[in-house]
Amino acid sequence: MLRVGLTGGIGAGKSTVLLIFQSLGIPVYKADNRAKWLINHHSDIIHFLSNEFGSDIYNEGQINTSYLSNIVFKDPSKLKILNEIVHPKVAEDFSLWCSTQKAKYIVKEAAILIESKAYQQLDKIILVTAVKEDRMKRIMDRDSVSEHEVLQRMRNQMTDEQKIPYADYIIENNNQESLIEKVQKIHNELING
C-alpha cells in the first residue's frame, strides 16, 4: 500500500483536496485532528503537557486551545516542545491506522508534514499551494482572527518555496482551475502506478 502525504500552508485548501480524495473512496488520515484527539485522551501526552505548560493547559479534561495557542505561537521554543511531545505519538497512531487499511493507497493530511519530519514515513508527497492573500482571507474568515494572528501562524510554517523540493505533486489552488480534475489526475497516476 502506498502512503501519500498531503500538506500545504495554513489556508491553502488541504481540507478541500482531502475531501475530494475521500469522495474517490480513498482512506484518509487527518493528522491534525488525530493530534487533537490524542492530546485530550493519551495519558502520556496529558502528563507531559501538564508538566511542561502547567495545570491550566487542561480545563475539565479538555485541552485549553486558546491558552496553549497563546503560548506556542508566541514562543518558537515552546512550539518545538509541543511538537516533540505530540508528533511521535501521532506517528505511532498513524502506523497503527495504516495496518488496518486495505486500499491501493492512503492519504495522510498534515499542515506541518515536512517540518515534523512525518514525510519520512511516506512514499509520495502532494503539496497544495495558494497565493498568500487568498490564504490569509480564508483563515481570517474561517477562524475569525486578525491579519496579525494569521501572519504569526504563517511564520511558524515553512513557505511553499521551501516545501516544493519535497513534493512529488503540486496542486495550485488558484480558484480558476478545477481542484477535482487536479486530484483525479493524481488519483489515476497513484492507482495505475
Foldseek 3Di string as FASTA:
>chain_A
DAEEEEEEAAQLCRVVLVVLCVVVVAAEAELVVVLQVCCLPPVQNVVQCCVVPHPQQDDPSHGPVVSLCVPCLVDVVSVVSNLVSRVVVSLVVVVVVVVPDDDLYHYYYDHACVVSVVCVVGDAYEYRGEDPVSSLVSCCVVVVDDSVSSVSRRVSHDHPVVCVVRHPHYHYPYVPDDSSVRSVVVVVVSVVD
